[in-house]
C-alpha atoms as a PDB file:
ATOM      1  CA  MET A   1     -56.640 -44.676 -12.240  1.00  0.00           C
ATOM      2  CA  ALA A   2     -52.858 -44.950 -12.603  1.00  0.00           C
ATOM      3  CA  SER A   3     -50.842 -47.558 -10.817  1.00  0.00           C
ATOM      4  CA  PRO A   4     -48.709 -46.462  -7.837  1.00  0.00           C
ATOM      5  CA  ILE A   5     -45.499 -46.863  -9.839  1.00  0.00           C
ATOM      6  CA  VAL A   6     -46.730 -44.548 -12.592  1.00  0.00           C
ATOM      7  CA  ARG A   7     -47.944 -42.009 -10.013  1.00  0.00           C
ATOM      8  CA  TYR A   8     -44.506 -42.120  -8.301  1.00  0.00           C
ATOM      9  CA  ARG A   9     -42.679 -41.498 -11.585  1.00  0.00           C
ATOM     10  CA  MET A  10     -44.992 -38.610 -12.482  1.00  0.00           C
ATOM     11  CA  VAL A  11     -44.440 -36.902  -9.141  1.00  0.00           C
ATOM     12  CA  HIS A  12     -40.775 -37.640  -8.367  1.00  0.00           C
ATOM     13  CA  CYS A  13     -38.964 -37.750 -11.689  1.00  0.00           C
ATOM     14  CA  MET A  14     -37.537 -34.799 -13.484  1.00  0.00           C
ATOM     15  CA  GLU A  15     -37.196 -34.330 -17.167  1.00  0.00           C
ATOM     16  CA  PRO A  16     -33.627 -34.124 -18.548  1.00  0.00           C
ATOM     17  CA  TYR A  17     -33.935 -30.378 -19.258  1.00  0.00           C
ATOM     18  CA  GLN A  18     -35.015 -29.858 -15.650  1.00  0.00           C
ATOM     19  CA  VAL A  19     -31.924 -31.684 -14.394  1.00  0.00           C
ATOM     20  CA  LEU A  20     -29.698 -29.522 -16.615  1.00  0.00           C
ATOM     21  CA  LEU A  21     -31.497 -26.400 -15.461  1.00  0.00           C
ATOM     22  CA  LEU A  22     -31.028 -27.421 -11.824  1.00  0.00           C
ATOM     23  CA  ILE A  23     -27.310 -28.030 -12.397  1.00  0.00           C
ATOM     24  CA  LEU A  24     -26.964 -24.642 -14.108  1.00  0.00           C
ATOM     25  CA  VAL A  25     -28.739 -22.902 -11.232  1.00  0.00           C
ATOM     26  CA  LEU A  26     -26.475 -24.616  -8.675  1.00  0.00           C
ATOM     27  CA  VAL A  27     -23.314 -23.736 -10.616  1.00  0.00           C
ATOM     28  CA  ALA A  28     -24.495 -20.129 -11.005  1.00  0.00           C
ATOM     29  CA  PHE A  29     -25.243 -19.936  -7.289  1.00  0.00           C
ATOM     30  CA  LEU A  30     -21.811 -21.328  -6.366  1.00  0.00           C
ATOM     31  CA  TYR A  31     -20.148 -18.890  -8.789  1.00  0.00           C
ATOM     32  CA  LEU A  32     -22.087 -16.001  -7.259  1.00  0.00           C
ATOM     33  CA  VAL A  33     -21.009 -17.063  -3.756  1.00  0.00           C
ATOM     34  CA  LEU A  34     -17.392 -17.240  -4.940  1.00  0.00           C
ATOM     35  CA  LEU A  35     -17.739 -13.837  -6.597  1.00  0.00           C
ATOM     36  CA  VAL A  36     -19.098 -12.205  -3.440  1.00  0.00           C
ATOM     37  CA  TYR A  37     -16.393 -13.791  -1.276  1.00  0.00           C
ATOM     38  CA  VAL A  38     -13.540 -12.779  -3.593  1.00  0.00           C
ATOM     39  CA  PHE A  39     -14.835  -9.224  -3.997  1.00  0.00           C
ATOM     40  CA  GLY A  40     -15.073  -8.971  -0.230  1.00  0.00           C
ATOM     41  CA  LYS A  41     -11.425  -9.989   0.057  1.00  0.00           C
ATOM     42  CA  MET A  42     -10.372  -7.597  -2.716  1.00  0.00           C
ATOM     43  CA  HIS A  43     -12.156  -4.715  -1.017  1.00  0.00           C
ATOM     44  CA  GLU A  44     -10.680  -5.650   2.373  1.00  0.00           C
ATOM     45  CA  PHE A  45      -7.131  -5.575   1.013  1.00  0.00           C
ATOM     46  CA  LYS A  46      -7.774  -2.385  -0.953  1.00  0.00           C
ATOM     47  CA  VAL A  47      -8.835  -0.661   2.281  1.00  0.00           C
ATOM     48  CA  ARG A  48      -5.819  -2.082   4.127  1.00  0.00           C
ATOM     49  CA  LEU A  49      -3.493  -0.827   1.389  1.00  0.00           C
ATOM     50  CA  ARG A  50      -5.043   2.632   1.536  1.00  0.00           C
ATOM     51  CA  ASP A  51      -4.630   2.765   5.319  1.00  0.00           C
ATOM     52  CA  LYS A  52      -1.027   1.570   5.190  1.00  0.00           C
ATOM     53  CA  LEU A  53      -0.256   4.051   2.410  1.00  0.00           C
ATOM     54  CA  GLN A  54      -1.562   6.825   4.655  1.00  0.00           C
ATOM     55  CA  GLY A  55       0.671   5.535   7.455  1.00  0.00           C
ATOM     56  CA  ILE A  56       3.688   5.497   5.153  1.00  0.00           C
ATOM     57  CA  ASN A  57       2.808   9.006   4.026  1.00  0.00           C
ATOM     58  CA  LEU A  58       2.645  10.182   7.653  1.00  0.00           C
ATOM     59  CA  LEU A  59       6.045   8.659   8.426  1.00  0.00           C
ATOM     60  CA  LEU A  60       7.499  10.336   5.340  1.00  0.00           C
ATOM     61  CA  TYR A  61       6.052  13.645   6.514  1.00  0.00           C
ATOM     62  CA  GLU A  62       7.697  13.219   9.919  1.00  0.00           C
ATOM     63  CA  ARG A  63      11.009  12.276   8.319  1.00  0.00           C
ATOM     64  CA  THR A  64      10.821  15.311   6.030  1.00  0.00           C
ATOM     65  CA  ASP A  65      10.169  17.574   8.990  1.00  0.00           C
ATOM     66  CA  ALA A  66      13.118  16.084  10.897  1.00  0.00           C
ATOM     67  CA  LEU A  67      15.405  16.455   7.881  1.00  0.00           C
ATOM     68  CA  LEU A  68      14.419  20.100   7.461  1.00  0.00           C
ATOM     69  CA  ARG A  69      15.274  20.664  11.133  1.00  0.00           C
ATOM     70  CA  ILE A  70      18.679  19.068  10.562  1.00  0.00           C
ATOM     71  CA  PHE A  71      19.363  21.245   7.537  1.00  0.00           C
ATOM     72  CA  GLU A  72      18.377  24.221   9.702  1.00  0.00           C
ATOM     73  CA  LEU A  73      20.983  23.096  12.241  1.00  0.00           C
ATOM     74  CA  PHE A  74      23.516  22.903   9.408  1.00  0.00           C
ATOM     75  CA  ARG A  75      22.659  26.469   8.472  1.00  0.00           C
ATOM     76  CA  GLU A  76      23.006  27.646  12.090  1.00  0.00           C
ATOM     77  CA  ASN A  77      26.358  25.912  12.661  1.00  0.00           C
ATOM     78  CA  LEU A  78      27.922  26.616   9.274  1.00  0.00           C
ATOM     79  CA  SER A  79      26.370  30.081   8.744  1.00  0.00           C
ATOM     80  CA  ALA A  80      25.556  29.284   5.100  1.00  0.00           C
ATOM     81  CA  LEU A  81      24.420  26.274   3.148  1.00  0.00           C
ATOM     82  CA  GLY A  82      25.939  25.339  -0.176  1.00  0.00           C
ATOM     83  CA  GLU A  83      24.077  24.745  -3.406  1.00  0.00           C
ATOM     84  CA  PRO A  84      23.538  20.974  -2.887  1.00  0.00           C
ATOM     85  CA  GLU A  85      22.111  21.492   0.597  1.00  0.00           C
ATOM     86  CA  LEU A  86      19.747  24.196  -0.670  1.00  0.00           C
ATOM     87  CA  GLU A  87      18.587  21.857  -3.444  1.00  0.00           C
ATOM     88  CA  TYR A  88      17.723  19.171  -0.899  1.00  0.00           C
ATOM     89  CA  VAL A  89      15.877  21.696   1.272  1.00  0.00           C
ATOM     90  CA  LYS A  90      13.954  22.916  -1.774  1.00  0.00           C
ATOM     91  CA  ALA A  91      13.124  19.323  -2.804  1.00  0.00           C
ATOM     92  CA  LEU A  92      11.940  18.455   0.712  1.00  0.00           C
ATOM     93  CA  LYS A  93       9.753  21.554   0.906  1.00  0.00           C
ATOM     94  CA  SER A  94       8.196  20.793  -2.479  1.00  0.00           C
ATOM     95  CA  VAL A  95       6.884  17.379  -1.393  1.00  0.00           C
ATOM     96  CA  HIS A  96       3.126  17.360  -0.719  1.00  0.00           C
ATOM     97  CA  PHE A  97       1.519  15.008   1.764  1.00  0.00           C
ATOM     98  CA  GLU A  98      -2.204  15.653   1.300  1.00  0.00           C
ATOM     99  CA  LYS A  99      -4.345  12.693   0.204  1.00  0.00           C
ATOM    100  CA  PRO A 100      -1.556  10.299  -0.686  1.00  0.00           C
ATOM    101  CA  LYS A 101      -1.552   8.501  -3.981  1.00  0.00           C
ATOM    102  CA  GLU A 102       0.819   5.662  -4.700  1.00  0.00           C
ATOM    103  CA  GLU A 103       2.958   7.579  -7.223  1.00  0.00           C
ATOM    104  CA  GLU A 104       3.239  10.651  -4.990  1.00  0.00           C
ATOM    105  CA  VAL A 105       4.325   8.502  -2.060  1.00  0.00           C
ATOM    106  CA  ARG A 106       6.961   6.805  -4.240  1.00  0.00           C
ATOM    107  CA  ARG A 107       8.355  10.204  -5.305  1.00  0.00           C
ATOM    108  CA  ALA A 108       8.336  11.432  -1.701  1.00  0.00           C
ATOM    109  CA  MET A 109      10.175   8.267  -0.629  1.00  0.00           C
ATOM    110  CA  GLU A 110      12.903   8.846  -3.189  1.00  0.00           C
ATOM    111  CA  THR A 111      13.299  12.476  -2.136  1.00  0.00           C
ATOM    112  CA  VAL A 112      13.448  11.612   1.561  1.00  0.00           C
ATOM    113  CA  LYS A 113      15.895   8.734   0.986  1.00  0.00           C
ATOM    114  CA  ALA A 114      18.216  10.940  -1.058  1.00  0.00           C
ATOM    115  CA  ALA A 115      18.066  13.781   1.491  1.00  0.00           C
ATOM    116  CA  THR A 116      18.710  11.365   4.369  1.00  0.00           C
ATOM    117  CA  SER A 117      21.745   9.884   2.636  1.00  0.00           C
ATOM    118  CA  TYR A 118      23.106  13.313   1.841  1.00  0.00           C
ATOM    119  CA  MET A 119      22.499  14.539   5.389  1.00  0.00           C
ATOM    120  CA  ARG A 120      24.452  11.600   6.814  1.00  0.00           C
ATOM    121  CA  TYR A 121      27.254  12.150   4.287  1.00  0.00           C
ATOM    122  CA  PHE A 122      27.366  15.917   4.859  1.00  0.00           C
ATOM    123  CA  SER A 123      27.527  15.635   8.656  1.00  0.00           C
ATOM    124  CA  GLN A 124      30.562  13.290   8.641  1.00  0.00           C
ATOM    125  CA  PRO A 125      33.339  15.928   8.287  1.00  0.00           C
ATOM    126  CA  HIS A 126      31.696  18.354  10.742  1.00  0.00           C
ATOM    127  CA  PRO A 127      32.342  17.221  14.329  1.00  0.00           C
ATOM    128  CA  ASN A 128      30.713  20.328  15.800  1.00  0.00           C
ATOM    129  CA  ILE A 129      27.423  19.305  14.163  1.00  0.00           C
ATOM    130  CA  LYS A 130      27.749  15.621  15.020  1.00  0.00           C
ATOM    131  CA  GLU A 131      28.249  16.457  18.707  1.00  0.00           C
ATOM    132  CA  ASP A 132      25.331  18.897  18.938  1.00  0.00           C
ATOM    133  CA  PRO A 133      22.696  17.330  21.262  1.00  0.00           C
ATOM    134  CA  ARG A 134      19.872  18.631  19.062  1.00  0.00           C
ATOM    135  CA  PHE A 135      21.420  16.900  16.047  1.00  0.00           C
ATOM    136  CA  LEU A 136      21.848  13.647  17.957  1.00  0.00           C
ATOM    137  CA  GLN A 137      18.240  13.780  19.165  1.00  0.00           C
ATOM    138  CA  ILE A 138      16.880  14.405  15.673  1.00  0.00           C
ATOM    139  CA  VAL A 139      19.057  11.650  14.173  1.00  0.00           C
ATOM    140  CA  GLU A 140      17.832   9.214  16.835  1.00  0.00           C
ATOM    141  CA  PHE A 141      14.259  10.230  15.996  1.00  0.00           C
ATOM    142  CA  LEU A 142      15.017   9.699  12.287  1.00  0.00           C
ATOM    143  CA  ASP A 143      16.359   6.227  13.030  1.00  0.00           C
ATOM    144  CA  ASP A 144      13.157   5.369  14.933  1.00  0.00           C
ATOM    145  CA  LEU A 145      11.081   6.648  12.036  1.00  0.00           C
ATOM    146  CA  GLU A 146      13.179   4.596   9.622  1.00  0.00           C
ATOM    147  CA  ARG A 147      12.533   1.400  11.605  1.00  0.00           C
ATOM    148  CA  SER A 148       8.803   2.130  11.708  1.00  0.00           C
ATOM    149  CA  PHE A 149       8.846   2.943   8.013  1.00  0.00           C
ATOM    150  CA  ARG A 150      10.541  -0.342   7.117  1.00  0.00           C
ATOM    151  CA  THR A 151       8.065  -2.325   9.230  1.00  0.00           C
ATOM    152  CA  LEU A 152       5.079  -0.595   7.654  1.00  0.00           C
ATOM    153  CA  MET A 153       6.583  -0.974   4.189  1.00  0.00           C
ATOM    154  CA  LEU A 154       6.944  -4.746   4.720  1.00  0.00           C
ATOM    155  CA  GLN A 155       3.316  -4.962   5.848  1.00  0.00           C
ATOM    156  CA  TYR A 156       2.235  -2.915   2.832  1.00  0.00           C
ATOM    157  CA  ASN A 157       4.160  -5.193   0.468  1.00  0.00           C
ATOM    158  CA  ALA A 158       2.602  -8.286   2.065  1.00  0.00           C
ATOM    159  CA  ASP A 159      -0.856  -6.783   1.567  1.00  0.00           C
ATOM    160  CA  VAL A 160       0.028  -5.922  -2.059  1.00  0.00           C
ATOM    161  CA  THR A 161       0.890  -9.578  -2.635  1.00  0.00           C
ATOM    162  CA  ALA A 162      -2.426 -10.700  -1.134  1.00  0.00           C
ATOM    163  CA  TYR A 163      -4.387  -8.048  -3.051  1.00  0.00           C
ATOM    164  CA  ASN A 164      -2.759  -9.055  -6.347  1.00  0.00           C
ATOM    165  CA  TYR A 165      -3.576 -12.696  -5.576  1.00  0.00           C
ATOM    166  CA  TRP A 166      -7.273 -11.960  -5.075  1.00  0.00           C
ATOM    167  CA  ILE A 167      -7.642  -9.838  -8.199  1.00  0.00           C
ATOM    168  CA  GLN A 168      -6.051 -12.575 -10.339  1.00  0.00           C
ATOM    169  CA  ILE A 169      -8.514 -15.362  -9.474  1.00  0.00           C
ATOM    170  CA  PRO A 170      -9.436 -17.068 -12.761  1.00  0.00           C
ATOM    171  CA  THR A 171     -12.950 -16.333 -14.092  1.00  0.00           C
ATOM    172  CA  ILE A 172     -13.176 -13.345 -11.737  1.00  0.00           C
ATOM    173  CA  ARG A 173     -10.241 -11.188 -12.835  1.00  0.00           C
ATOM    174  CA  TRP A 174     -12.170  -9.603 -15.693  1.00  0.00           C
ATOM    175  CA  PHE A 175     -14.936  -8.558 -13.268  1.00  0.00           C
ATOM    176  CA  ALA A 176     -12.274  -7.054 -11.033  1.00  0.00           C
ATOM    177  CA  TYR A 177     -10.703  -5.219 -13.959  1.00  0.00           C
ATOM    178  CA  ILE A 178     -14.059  -3.795 -15.062  1.00  0.00           C
ATOM    179  CA  ILE A 179     -14.816  -2.544 -11.539  1.00  0.00           C
ATOM    180  CA  GLY A 180     -11.415  -0.882 -11.260  1.00  0.00           C
ATOM    181  CA  TYR A 181      -9.225  -3.256  -9.289  1.00  0.00           C
ATOM    182  CA  ARG A 182      -5.787  -2.980 -10.862  1.00  0.00           C
ATOM    183  CA  LYS A 183      -2.538  -4.741 -10.032  1.00  0.00           C
ATOM    184  CA  LYS A 184      -0.360  -2.833  -7.566  1.00  0.00           C
ATOM    185  CA  LEU A 185       3.397  -2.803  -7.266  1.00  0.00           C
ATOM    186  CA  PRO A 186       5.257  -3.298  -3.992  1.00  0.00           C
ATOM    187  CA  ILE A 187       7.265  -0.461  -2.510  1.00  0.00           C
ATOM    188  CA  SER A 188      11.005  -0.976  -2.498  1.00  0.00           C
END
């Protein structure tokens, strides 16, 4: 029969390889918890970015529609549009708003910004257009859309910053890259 001290050591002591194995299991568990948490955050921000991109796309659609109505007012009041105005109308009509992708939204933004600037420039020397109540109403609507667009764009850019933070976590970024999480650029 073994003494109580020997029995205690046989029951309660671990071999060195068992201690190392226990440490490895704990580290692996903690890494797995971190991995699940970070991937949850990455997915959350990816969904938020997609939703905000759809909102931006909708605002761009509304702005395009309003700009086309303004160019129609130009045509009514001036009886004919010049070549530059027709180019802007053609560019606005060529923009597609189905299932927005980041690059398509960026191109649509550039087209809408250019058409808006030109519309404001073109209306300056025409007081009969600037005093038309329909024109004033559409321009006021465009200004409201512009404010909403800027607010949503700031929120989108904040979410891009957070998303890029989560996909760059050391020891996890290569998992994110393999799964398809890529760095996104803010909208300017």
